[in-house]
Amino acid sequence: MTKAELVAIMAKNAGGSKTSAERAMNAFVSGIIESLRRGRRVTISGFGTFVVTRRAARNGRNPRTGKEIQIPTTKVPRFRPSRTLKTAIR
């Protein structure tokens, strides 16, 4: 499903326009991004939790040259689905 398809579904279910649904979707996504950027977790009941975790530094290999390289520590976003979402998919 693409963002455009999701916006169309939101507009249809809410009885509004696609423009207003797209604005709501953009505000939703930017709110999640901003919270994660500040290091907070975002929990949506019945859907899941977005968190930021640290990925430890590790050794890697350059696929082009085969030379060993050091990959630095990074922050990565993670999503943990709720139990409700897991059972709905099964």
N, C-alpha and C. Protein backbone atom coordinates (compact mmCIF):
# COMPACT_ATOMS: atom_id res chain seq x y z
N MET A 1 0.85 -1.17 0.00
CA MET A 1 0.00 0.00 0.00
C MET A 1 0.90 1.23 0.00
N THR A 2 0.56 2.18 -0.83
CA THR A 2 1.33 3.42 -0.89
C THR A 2 0.67 4.47 -0.01
N LYS A 3 1.39 5.57 0.18
CA LYS A 3 0.86 6.67 0.98
C LYS A 3 -0.42 7.23 0.33
N ALA A 4 -0.42 7.33 -0.99
CA ALA A 4 -1.59 7.86 -1.69
C ALA A 4 -2.81 6.97 -1.48
N GLU A 5 -2.62 5.66 -1.50
CA GLU A 5 -3.73 4.74 -1.27
C GLU A 5 -4.25 4.86 0.16
N LEU A 6 -3.34 5.01 1.11
CA LEU A 6 -3.74 5.17 2.50
C LEU A 6 -4.49 6.47 2.71
N VAL A 7 -4.05 7.54 2.07
CA VAL A 7 -4.75 8.82 2.15
C VAL A 7 -6.16 8.70 1.58
N ALA A 8 -6.31 7.99 0.46
CA ALA A 8 -7.63 7.80 -0.15
C ALA A 8 -8.56 7.03 0.79
N ILE A 9 -8.04 6.01 1.47
CA ILE A 9 -8.84 5.25 2.43
C ILE A 9 -9.25 6.12 3.61
N MET A 10 -8.30 6.92 4.11
CA MET A 10 -8.60 7.82 5.23
C MET A 10 -9.70 8.82 4.84
N ALA A 11 -9.60 9.39 3.65
CA ALA A 11 -10.59 10.37 3.20
C ALA A 11 -11.97 9.73 3.05
N LYS A 12 -12.01 8.52 2.52
CA LYS A 12 -13.28 7.82 2.33
C LYS A 12 -13.92 7.48 3.67
N ASN A 13 -13.13 6.93 4.61
CA ASN A 13 -13.67 6.52 5.91
C ASN A 13 -14.07 7.71 6.78
N ALA A 14 -13.36 8.82 6.67
CA ALA A 14 -13.66 9.99 7.48
C ALA A 14 -14.71 10.89 6.83
N GLY A 15 -14.98 10.65 5.55
CA GLY A 15 -15.97 11.46 4.86
C GLY A 15 -15.45 12.85 4.50
N GLY A 16 -14.15 13.01 4.43
CA GLY A 16 -13.55 14.30 4.10
C GLY A 16 -12.87 14.24 2.75
N SER A 17 -12.09 15.29 2.48
CA SER A 17 -11.39 15.36 1.20
C SER A 17 -10.03 14.69 1.31
N LYS A 18 -9.48 14.37 0.15
CA LYS A 18 -8.15 13.77 0.13
C LYS A 18 -7.10 14.76 0.61
N THR A 19 -7.33 16.03 0.33
CA THR A 19 -6.38 17.07 0.76
C THR A 19 -6.28 17.13 2.28
N SER A 20 -7.42 17.13 2.94
CA SER A 20 -7.40 17.19 4.40
C SER A 20 -6.84 15.89 4.99
N ALA A 21 -7.13 14.76 4.35
CA ALA A 21 -6.59 13.48 4.82
C ALA A 21 -5.07 13.45 4.65
N GLU A 22 -4.58 14.02 3.57
CA GLU A 22 -3.14 14.06 3.34
C GLU A 22 -2.46 14.98 4.35
N ARG A 23 -3.08 16.10 4.67
CA ARG A 23 -2.53 17.00 5.71
C ARG A 23 -2.47 16.28 7.05
N ALA A 24 -3.51 15.54 7.38
CA ALA A 24 -3.54 14.80 8.64
C ALA A 24 -2.45 13.73 8.66
N MET A 25 -2.29 13.03 7.55
CA MET A 25 -1.26 11.99 7.45
C MET A 25 0.13 12.59 7.60
N ASN A 26 0.38 13.71 6.93
CA ASN A 26 1.69 14.37 7.03
C ASN A 26 1.96 14.84 8.45
N ALA A 27 0.95 15.38 9.12
CA ALA A 27 1.11 15.83 10.51
C ALA A 27 1.39 14.64 11.42
N PHE A 28 0.73 13.53 11.19
CA PHE A 28 0.92 12.32 11.97
C PHE A 28 2.36 11.81 11.82
N VAL A 29 2.83 11.70 10.60
CA VAL A 29 4.17 11.19 10.34
C VAL A 29 5.23 12.14 10.89
N SER A 30 5.06 13.44 10.67
CA SER A 30 6.05 14.39 11.17
C SER A 30 6.06 14.42 12.69
N GLY A 31 4.92 14.21 13.34
CA GLY A 31 4.87 14.13 14.79
C GLY A 31 5.64 12.94 15.32
N ILE A 32 5.50 11.80 14.66
CA ILE A 32 6.25 10.61 15.04
C ILE A 32 7.75 10.83 14.85
N ILE A 33 8.13 11.38 13.72
CA ILE A 33 9.54 11.64 13.43
C ILE A 33 10.14 12.59 14.46
N GLU A 34 9.44 13.65 14.78
CA GLU A 34 9.94 14.63 15.75
C GLU A 34 10.10 14.02 17.14
N SER A 35 9.15 13.22 17.56
CA SER A 35 9.25 12.56 18.86
C SER A 35 10.43 11.60 18.91
N LEU A 36 10.62 10.83 17.85
CA LEU A 36 11.75 9.90 17.79
C LEU A 36 13.07 10.66 17.76
N ARG A 37 13.10 11.77 17.06
CA ARG A 37 14.31 12.59 16.99
C ARG A 37 14.71 13.09 18.38
N ARG A 38 13.72 13.38 19.21
CA ARG A 38 13.98 13.84 20.58
C ARG A 38 14.27 12.70 21.55
N GLY A 39 14.22 11.46 21.06
CA GLY A 39 14.54 10.31 21.88
C GLY A 39 13.36 9.73 22.64
N ARG A 40 12.16 10.17 22.33
CA ARG A 40 10.96 9.65 22.99
C ARG A 40 10.41 8.46 22.21
N ARG A 41 9.67 7.61 22.92
CA ARG A 41 8.98 6.52 22.25
C ARG A 41 7.56 6.97 21.91
N VAL A 42 7.01 6.42 20.85
CA VAL A 42 5.66 6.74 20.41
C VAL A 42 4.84 5.46 20.46
N THR A 43 3.80 5.45 21.31
CA THR A 43 2.94 4.28 21.45
C THR A 43 1.56 4.60 20.92
N ILE A 44 1.07 3.76 20.02
CA ILE A 44 -0.28 3.89 19.48
C ILE A 44 -1.02 2.63 19.91
N SER A 45 -1.96 2.79 20.83
CA SER A 45 -2.69 1.65 21.38
C SER A 45 -3.35 0.83 20.27
N GLY A 46 -3.18 -0.47 20.35
CA GLY A 46 -3.77 -1.36 19.36
C GLY A 46 -2.98 -1.47 18.08
N PHE A 47 -1.90 -0.70 17.95
CA PHE A 47 -1.09 -0.74 16.73
C PHE A 47 0.35 -1.13 17.03
N GLY A 48 1.03 -0.35 17.89
CA GLY A 48 2.40 -0.69 18.22
C GLY A 48 3.16 0.48 18.79
N THR A 49 4.47 0.29 18.94
CA THR A 49 5.33 1.29 19.54
C THR A 49 6.54 1.54 18.64
N PHE A 50 6.84 2.81 18.41
CA PHE A 50 8.03 3.21 17.69
C PHE A 50 9.06 3.62 18.73
N VAL A 51 10.29 3.12 18.63
CA VAL A 51 11.36 3.47 19.55
C VAL A 51 12.65 3.69 18.76
N VAL A 52 13.59 4.39 19.39
CA VAL A 52 14.92 4.57 18.81
C VAL A 52 15.89 3.73 19.64
N THR A 53 16.67 2.90 18.99
CA THR A 53 17.67 2.09 19.68
C THR A 53 19.04 2.41 19.09
N ARG A 54 20.06 2.04 19.85
CA ARG A 54 21.43 2.23 19.38
C ARG A 54 21.94 0.91 18.79
N ARG A 55 22.55 1.01 17.65
CA ARG A 55 23.20 -0.14 17.04
C ARG A 55 24.69 0.00 17.34
N ALA A 56 25.27 -0.99 17.98
CA ALA A 56 26.67 -0.93 18.40
C ALA A 56 27.61 -0.88 17.21
N ALA A 57 28.79 -0.32 17.43
CA ALA A 57 29.82 -0.31 16.40
C ALA A 57 30.22 -1.75 16.11
N ARG A 58 30.59 -2.01 14.87
CA ARG A 58 30.96 -3.37 14.49
C ARG A 58 31.89 -3.33 13.29
N ASN A 59 32.52 -4.44 13.05
CA ASN A 59 33.39 -4.56 11.89
C ASN A 59 32.55 -5.04 10.71
N GLY A 60 32.86 -4.50 9.55
CA GLY A 60 32.16 -4.90 8.34
C GLY A 60 33.17 -5.11 7.22
N ARG A 61 32.66 -5.34 6.04
CA ARG A 61 33.55 -5.58 4.91
C ARG A 61 33.01 -4.81 3.71
N ASN A 62 33.89 -4.09 3.05
CA ASN A 62 33.52 -3.37 1.84
C ASN A 62 33.30 -4.41 0.74
N PRO A 63 32.07 -4.51 0.20
CA PRO A 63 31.79 -5.57 -0.79
C PRO A 63 32.57 -5.39 -2.09
N ARG A 64 32.96 -4.17 -2.40
CA ARG A 64 33.67 -3.93 -3.65
C ARG A 64 35.14 -4.36 -3.57
N THR A 65 35.79 -4.00 -2.44
CA THR A 65 37.22 -4.29 -2.32
C THR A 65 37.52 -5.47 -1.42
N GLY A 66 36.58 -5.84 -0.56
CA GLY A 66 36.82 -6.91 0.39
C GLY A 66 37.58 -6.44 1.62
N LYS A 67 37.92 -5.15 1.67
CA LYS A 67 38.68 -4.60 2.79
C LYS A 67 37.79 -4.49 4.02
N GLU A 68 38.35 -4.82 5.20
CA GLU A 68 37.59 -4.73 6.45
C GLU A 68 37.49 -3.26 6.87
N ILE A 69 36.27 -2.85 7.30
CA ILE A 69 36.04 -1.47 7.73
C ILE A 69 35.35 -1.47 9.09
N GLN A 70 35.45 -0.34 9.79
CA GLN A 70 34.78 -0.16 11.07
C GLN A 70 33.47 0.60 10.82
N ILE A 71 32.34 0.02 11.20
CA ILE A 71 31.03 0.66 11.06
C ILE A 71 30.72 1.31 12.41
N PRO A 72 30.49 2.64 12.43
CA PRO A 72 30.30 3.33 13.71
C PRO A 72 28.94 3.04 14.36
N THR A 73 28.82 3.43 15.65
CA THR A 73 27.57 3.32 16.38
C THR A 73 26.55 4.26 15.74
N THR A 74 25.30 3.79 15.60
CA THR A 74 24.24 4.63 15.02
C THR A 74 22.94 4.45 15.80
N LYS A 75 22.06 5.43 15.66
CA LYS A 75 20.70 5.32 16.19
C LYS A 75 19.81 4.84 15.05
N VAL A 76 18.93 3.88 15.35
CA VAL A 76 18.03 3.35 14.34
C VAL A 76 16.60 3.29 14.88
N PRO A 77 15.61 3.61 14.05
CA PRO A 77 14.22 3.48 14.49
C PRO A 77 13.79 2.02 14.44
N ARG A 78 12.96 1.64 15.39
CA ARG A 78 12.40 0.28 15.45
C ARG A 78 10.90 0.37 15.69
N PHE A 79 10.20 -0.65 15.23
CA PHE A 79 8.76 -0.73 15.46
C PHE A 79 8.46 -2.06 16.13
N ARG A 80 7.72 -2.00 17.22
CA ARG A 80 7.28 -3.21 17.92
C ARG A 80 5.77 -3.29 17.81
N PRO A 81 5.24 -4.24 17.07
CA PRO A 81 3.79 -4.34 16.92
C PRO A 81 3.11 -4.74 18.22
N SER A 82 1.89 -4.26 18.41
CA SER A 82 1.12 -4.61 19.61
C SER A 82 0.57 -6.02 19.46
N ARG A 83 0.13 -6.57 20.56
CA ARG A 83 -0.47 -7.91 20.54
C ARG A 83 -1.73 -7.90 19.68
N THR A 84 -2.50 -6.82 19.73
CA THR A 84 -3.72 -6.71 18.93
C THR A 84 -3.40 -6.79 17.44
N LEU A 85 -2.36 -6.08 17.02
CA LEU A 85 -1.96 -6.10 15.61
C LEU A 85 -1.47 -7.49 15.21
N LYS A 86 -0.69 -8.12 16.07
CA LYS A 86 -0.19 -9.46 15.76
C LYS A 86 -1.32 -10.47 15.58
N THR A 87 -2.31 -10.43 16.47
CA THR A 87 -3.43 -11.38 16.36
C THR A 87 -4.31 -11.07 15.17
N ALA A 88 -4.42 -9.80 14.80
CA ALA A 88 -5.24 -9.44 13.63
C ALA A 88 -4.63 -9.95 12.34
N ILE A 89 -3.32 -10.05 12.29
CA ILE A 89 -2.63 -10.50 11.08
C ILE A 89 -2.67 -12.03 10.96
N ARG A 90 -2.65 -12.72 12.07
CA ARG A 90 -2.63 -14.19 12.04
C ARG A 90 -3.87 -14.78 11.47
